[in-house]
Each structure stands twice: as C-alpha cells, then as structure tokens.
Amino acid sequence: MTKRKQSLKQPISFKENIRDLAIYNYLESIKNTLGKSNYVKNLVEEDMRKKGLWKDEYDS
C-alpha cells in the first residue's frame, strides 16, 4: 500500500462574477510566462513587506 502525498495546493474558485472572470482571464494570460503560482507568491511577498511581516532572512 502506498501513501498519498498531501497536496499543498488550495483550490481557488473563479468565474462567479465579472470581477472573478477578469482575474481568471489575467492569470490565464500570464501562466506561460510567469506562472500563476509565482505570481501569487510575489503578491503575497509584496503584501508581507508592506505590512512589515517580511524578515531579511527570507531573502537568503
């Protein structure tokens, strides 16, 4: 019997309204150049820096 690896991915629901559809379409347009995951990580990092939650040790 093999154990299944637990996924770290969190499902994100889109296309519920026009705003969500616009966001979904933008993510689809960048997925081949930057990648959705990297884009989200960059946004979270930027937000953490603005809030003073980012530590210098994270940059190394």
C-alpha atoms as a PDB file:
ATOM      1  CA  MET A   1       0.000   0.000   0.000  1.00  0.00           C
ATOM      2  CA  THR A   2       1.348   3.436  -0.881  1.00  0.00           C
ATOM      3  CA  LYS A   3       0.604   6.600   0.985  1.00  0.00           C
ATOM      4  CA  ARG A   4      -0.728   9.536  -0.990  1.00  0.00           C
ATOM      5  CA  LYS A   5       1.203  12.731  -0.641  1.00  0.00           C
ATOM      6  CA  GLN A   6      -0.906  15.502   0.801  1.00  0.00           C
ATOM      7  CA  SER A   7      -1.229  18.352  -1.651  1.00  0.00           C
ATOM      8  CA  LEU A   8      -0.309  21.845  -0.528  1.00  0.00           C
ATOM      9  CA  LYS A   9      -2.472  23.345  -3.248  1.00  0.00           C
ATOM     10  CA  GLN A  10      -5.565  25.230  -2.184  1.00  0.00           C
ATOM     11  CA  PRO A  11      -8.438  25.370  -4.656  1.00  0.00           C
ATOM     12  CA  ILE A  12      -9.430  28.842  -5.755  1.00  0.00           C
ATOM     13  CA  SER A  13     -12.908  29.357  -7.099  1.00  0.00           C
ATOM     14  CA  PHE A  14     -13.241  31.755 -10.030  1.00  0.00           C
ATOM     15  CA  LYS A  15     -15.798  32.875 -12.576  1.00  0.00           C
ATOM     16  CA  GLU A  16     -18.543  33.582 -10.048  1.00  0.00           C
ATOM     17  CA  ASN A  17     -18.900  37.164 -11.246  1.00  0.00           C
ATOM     18  CA  ILE A  18     -17.392  39.607 -13.756  1.00  0.00           C
ATOM     19  CA  ARG A  19     -14.571  40.572 -11.354  1.00  0.00           C
ATOM     20  CA  ASP A  20     -13.578  36.951 -10.827  1.00  0.00           C
ATOM     21  CA  LEU A  21     -13.723  36.286 -14.549  1.00  0.00           C
ATOM     22  CA  ALA A  22     -11.375  39.218 -15.229  1.00  0.00           C
ATOM     23  CA  ILE A  23      -8.919  37.897 -12.624  1.00  0.00           C
ATOM     24  CA  TYR A  24      -9.135  34.379 -14.040  1.00  0.00           C
ATOM     25  CA  ASN A  25      -8.514  35.636 -17.587  1.00  0.00           C
ATOM     26  CA  TYR A  26      -5.481  37.639 -16.451  1.00  0.00           C
ATOM     27  CA  LEU A  27      -3.991  34.631 -14.654  1.00  0.00           C
ATOM     28  CA  GLU A  28      -4.556  32.521 -17.754  1.00  0.00           C
ATOM     29  CA  SER A  29      -2.729  35.124 -19.860  1.00  0.00           C
ATOM     30  CA  ILE A  30       0.402  35.080 -17.653  1.00  0.00           C
ATOM     31  CA  LYS A  31       0.578  31.375 -16.860  1.00  0.00           C
ATOM     32  CA  ASN A  32       3.078  30.566 -19.623  1.00  0.00           C
ATOM     33  CA  THR A  33       5.483  33.419 -18.902  1.00  0.00           C
ATOM     34  CA  LEU A  34       5.485  33.936 -15.146  1.00  0.00           C
ATOM     35  CA  GLY A  35       3.298  31.170 -13.840  1.00  0.00           C
ATOM     36  CA  LYS A  36       0.272  31.502 -11.599  1.00  0.00           C
ATOM     37  CA  SER A  37       1.995  30.168  -8.520  1.00  0.00           C
ATOM     38  CA  ASN A  38       4.975  32.519  -8.812  1.00  0.00           C
ATOM     39  CA  TYR A  39       2.684  35.461  -9.445  1.00  0.00           C
ATOM     40  CA  VAL A  40       0.644  34.741  -6.315  1.00  0.00           C
ATOM     41  CA  LYS A  41       3.827  34.253  -4.268  1.00  0.00           C
ATOM     42  CA  ASN A  42       5.129  37.625  -5.491  1.00  0.00           C
ATOM     43  CA  LEU A  43       1.867  39.324  -4.498  1.00  0.00           C
ATOM     44  CA  VAL A  44       1.921  37.749  -1.040  1.00  0.00           C
ATOM     45  CA  GLU A  45       5.576  38.709  -0.536  1.00  0.00           C
ATOM     46  CA  GLU A  46       4.824  42.297  -1.549  1.00  0.00           C
ATOM     47  CA  ASP A  47       1.886  42.417   0.876  1.00  0.00           C
ATOM     48  CA  MET A  48       4.008  40.987   3.703  1.00  0.00           C
ATOM     49  CA  ARG A  49       6.720  43.588   3.039  1.00  0.00           C
ATOM     50  CA  LYS A  50       4.161  46.411   3.161  1.00  0.00           C
ATOM     51  CA  LYS A  51       2.862  45.120   6.498  1.00  0.00           C
ATOM     52  CA  GLY A  52       6.357  44.715   7.944  1.00  0.00           C
ATOM     53  CA  LEU A  53       5.991  40.945   8.248  1.00  0.00           C
ATOM     54  CA  TRP A  54       8.821  40.076   5.866  1.00  0.00           C
ATOM     55  CA  LYS A  55      12.126  39.123   7.507  1.00  0.00           C
ATOM     56  CA  ASP A  56      15.513  39.714   5.885  1.00  0.00           C
ATOM     57  CA  GLU A  57      16.356  36.046   6.379  1.00  0.00           C
ATOM     58  CA  TYR A  58      13.644  35.145   3.845  1.00  0.00           C
ATOM     59  CA  ASP A  59      15.727  36.765   1.094  1.00  0.00           C
ATOM     60  CA  SER A  60      18.685  34.417   1.540  1.00  0.00           C
END
